[in-house]
Amino acid sequence: MNSQVKNNNLHHVSVELTAEEALALTGVRFNGNPKVEAAARQKVRTAFEKTFDFSHQDKVDYELLK
């Protein structure tokens, strides 16, 4: 998916991952423990929810789509 940033207000999100979790996010499969990728994704999702307000997500500002 391509996206364009229309402003220079970049936000940074920090997430502490184990080496296995970081590798799982790159596509490496851990057949012995399939929950590694799910745990990593949950950590990233939680960090985003703490950083950004998604309460207005159900509304679309169509002016930004032009």
N, C-alpha and C. Protein backbone atom coordinates (compact mmCIF):
# COMPACT_ATOMS: atom_id res chain seq x y z
N MET A 1 0.85 -1.17 0.00
CA MET A 1 0.00 0.00 0.00
C MET A 1 0.90 1.23 0.00
N ASN A 2 0.61 2.14 -0.89
CA ASN A 2 1.35 3.38 -0.96
C ASN A 2 0.60 4.46 -0.20
N SER A 3 1.33 5.29 0.48
CA SER A 3 0.70 6.40 1.18
C SER A 3 1.61 7.61 1.07
N GLN A 4 1.00 8.76 1.17
CA GLN A 4 1.76 10.00 1.10
C GLN A 4 1.54 10.76 2.39
N VAL A 5 2.62 11.33 2.91
CA VAL A 5 2.53 12.16 4.10
C VAL A 5 2.39 13.60 3.63
N LYS A 6 1.29 14.25 4.02
CA LYS A 6 1.05 15.61 3.56
C LYS A 6 1.63 16.66 4.50
N ASN A 7 2.08 16.24 5.67
CA ASN A 7 2.71 17.19 6.58
C ASN A 7 3.98 16.57 7.13
N ASN A 8 4.76 17.35 7.79
CA ASN A 8 6.03 16.88 8.31
C ASN A 8 5.95 16.48 9.78
N ASN A 9 4.74 16.29 10.30
CA ASN A 9 4.57 15.88 11.69
C ASN A 9 4.66 14.37 11.79
N LEU A 10 5.87 13.85 11.82
CA LEU A 10 6.07 12.41 11.93
C LEU A 10 6.09 12.01 13.38
N HIS A 11 5.42 10.92 13.68
CA HIS A 11 5.39 10.40 15.04
C HIS A 11 6.25 9.16 15.10
N HIS A 12 6.87 8.95 16.23
CA HIS A 12 7.70 7.77 16.43
C HIS A 12 7.05 6.88 17.48
N VAL A 13 7.10 5.59 17.23
CA VAL A 13 6.55 4.61 18.16
C VAL A 13 7.68 3.65 18.51
N SER A 14 7.88 3.43 19.79
CA SER A 14 8.91 2.50 20.24
C SER A 14 8.25 1.26 20.82
N VAL A 15 8.77 0.10 20.41
CA VAL A 15 8.25 -1.17 20.88
C VAL A 15 9.45 -2.05 21.22
N GLU A 16 9.41 -2.67 22.38
CA GLU A 16 10.48 -3.58 22.77
C GLU A 16 10.07 -4.99 22.36
N LEU A 17 10.86 -5.58 21.44
CA LEU A 17 10.59 -6.91 20.92
C LEU A 17 11.77 -7.83 21.22
N THR A 18 11.48 -9.11 21.38
CA THR A 18 12.56 -10.09 21.46
C THR A 18 13.10 -10.30 20.06
N ALA A 19 14.24 -10.92 19.95
CA ALA A 19 14.82 -11.19 18.63
C ALA A 19 13.88 -12.06 17.81
N GLU A 20 13.25 -13.05 18.43
CA GLU A 20 12.31 -13.92 17.71
C GLU A 20 11.10 -13.14 17.21
N GLU A 21 10.58 -12.22 18.03
CA GLU A 21 9.44 -11.42 17.62
C GLU A 21 9.78 -10.52 16.44
N ALA A 22 10.95 -9.90 16.49
CA ALA A 22 11.38 -9.04 15.39
C ALA A 22 11.53 -9.85 14.10
N LEU A 23 12.11 -11.02 14.20
CA LEU A 23 12.25 -11.87 13.02
C LEU A 23 10.89 -12.33 12.49
N ALA A 24 9.97 -12.62 13.40
CA ALA A 24 8.64 -13.06 12.98
C ALA A 24 7.93 -11.97 12.18
N LEU A 25 8.14 -10.72 12.55
CA LEU A 25 7.52 -9.62 11.80
C LEU A 25 8.11 -9.45 10.41
N THR A 26 9.29 -9.98 10.18
CA THR A 26 9.89 -9.91 8.84
C THR A 26 9.47 -11.08 7.97
N GLY A 27 8.76 -12.04 8.56
CA GLY A 27 8.27 -13.17 7.77
C GLY A 27 8.86 -14.51 8.14
N VAL A 28 9.83 -14.53 9.05
CA VAL A 28 10.42 -15.79 9.48
C VAL A 28 9.37 -16.56 10.26
N ARG A 29 9.23 -17.84 9.97
CA ARG A 29 8.24 -18.69 10.63
C ARG A 29 8.90 -19.50 11.75
N PHE A 30 8.23 -19.56 12.87
CA PHE A 30 8.69 -20.36 14.00
C PHE A 30 7.67 -21.48 14.19
N ASN A 31 7.94 -22.61 13.57
CA ASN A 31 7.00 -23.72 13.61
C ASN A 31 6.81 -24.26 15.02
N GLY A 32 7.81 -24.17 15.85
CA GLY A 32 7.70 -24.66 17.22
C GLY A 32 6.85 -23.76 18.09
N ASN A 33 6.73 -22.47 17.72
CA ASN A 33 5.96 -21.53 18.53
C ASN A 33 5.26 -20.52 17.61
N PRO A 34 4.08 -20.87 17.12
CA PRO A 34 3.39 -19.98 16.19
C PRO A 34 2.85 -18.71 16.84
N LYS A 35 2.88 -18.62 18.16
CA LYS A 35 2.36 -17.44 18.86
C LYS A 35 3.35 -16.28 18.89
N VAL A 36 4.56 -16.51 18.40
CA VAL A 36 5.58 -15.46 18.42
C VAL A 36 5.14 -14.26 17.57
N GLU A 37 4.67 -14.52 16.37
CA GLU A 37 4.26 -13.43 15.49
C GLU A 37 3.04 -12.71 16.06
N ALA A 38 2.10 -13.46 16.61
CA ALA A 38 0.90 -12.84 17.18
C ALA A 38 1.27 -11.94 18.36
N ALA A 39 2.20 -12.36 19.19
CA ALA A 39 2.63 -11.54 20.32
C ALA A 39 3.30 -10.26 19.84
N ALA A 40 4.12 -10.36 18.81
CA ALA A 40 4.80 -9.18 18.26
C ALA A 40 3.80 -8.20 17.68
N ARG A 41 2.85 -8.70 16.92
CA ARG A 41 1.83 -7.82 16.34
C ARG A 41 1.00 -7.14 17.42
N GLN A 42 0.70 -7.86 18.48
CA GLN A 42 -0.07 -7.28 19.58
C GLN A 42 0.72 -6.16 20.26
N LYS A 43 2.02 -6.35 20.43
CA LYS A 43 2.85 -5.30 21.03
C LYS A 43 2.85 -4.04 20.16
N VAL A 44 2.97 -4.21 18.85
CA VAL A 44 2.97 -3.07 17.94
C VAL A 44 1.61 -2.38 17.97
N ARG A 45 0.54 -3.16 17.92
CA ARG A 45 -0.81 -2.60 17.94
C ARG A 45 -1.06 -1.81 19.22
N THR A 46 -0.64 -2.36 20.35
CA THR A 46 -0.80 -1.68 21.64
C THR A 46 -0.03 -0.37 21.68
N ALA A 47 1.18 -0.37 21.14
CA ALA A 47 1.99 0.86 21.11
C ALA A 47 1.32 1.93 20.26
N PHE A 48 0.74 1.53 19.12
CA PHE A 48 0.03 2.50 18.28
C PHE A 48 -1.19 3.06 18.99
N GLU A 49 -1.93 2.20 19.67
CA GLU A 49 -3.13 2.66 20.37
C GLU A 49 -2.78 3.63 21.50
N LYS A 50 -1.63 3.45 22.13
CA LYS A 50 -1.18 4.37 23.17
C LYS A 50 -0.73 5.70 22.59
N THR A 51 -0.21 5.69 21.37
CA THR A 51 0.36 6.88 20.75
C THR A 51 -0.67 7.70 19.98
N PHE A 52 -1.57 7.04 19.28
CA PHE A 52 -2.50 7.72 18.40
C PHE A 52 -3.94 7.55 18.90
N ASP A 53 -4.76 8.53 18.61
CA ASP A 53 -6.17 8.49 18.98
C ASP A 53 -6.96 7.97 17.78
N PHE A 54 -7.52 6.78 17.89
CA PHE A 54 -8.29 6.19 16.81
C PHE A 54 -9.79 6.35 17.02
N SER A 55 -10.21 7.18 17.95
CA SER A 55 -11.63 7.32 18.24
C SER A 55 -12.41 7.94 17.08
N HIS A 56 -11.77 8.73 16.26
CA HIS A 56 -12.43 9.35 15.12
C HIS A 56 -12.24 8.55 13.84
N GLN A 57 -11.81 7.32 13.95
CA GLN A 57 -11.47 6.51 12.79
C GLN A 57 -12.70 6.18 11.94
N ASP A 58 -13.88 6.15 12.52
CA ASP A 58 -15.05 5.78 11.74
C ASP A 58 -15.50 6.89 10.80
N LYS A 59 -14.96 8.08 10.95
CA LYS A 59 -15.31 9.19 10.08
C LYS A 59 -14.21 9.40 9.04
N VAL A 60 -14.59 9.66 7.81
CA VAL A 60 -13.62 9.88 6.74
C VAL A 60 -13.68 11.34 6.33
N ASP A 61 -12.53 11.99 6.33
CA ASP A 61 -12.44 13.36 5.83
C ASP A 61 -12.12 13.28 4.34
N TYR A 62 -13.13 13.42 3.53
CA TYR A 62 -12.97 13.22 2.09
C TYR A 62 -12.09 14.28 1.44
N GLU A 63 -11.88 15.41 2.09
CA GLU A 63 -10.99 16.43 1.54
C GLU A 63 -9.54 15.94 1.52
N LEU A 64 -9.19 15.06 2.46
CA LEU A 64 -7.83 14.54 2.50
C LEU A 64 -7.57 13.51 1.41
N LEU A 65 -8.62 12.96 0.81
CA LEU A 65 -8.47 11.93 -0.22
C LEU A 65 -8.16 12.51 -1.60
N LYS A 66 -8.31 13.81 -1.76
CA LYS A 66 -8.09 14.43 -3.08
C LYS A 66 -6.63 14.54 -3.40
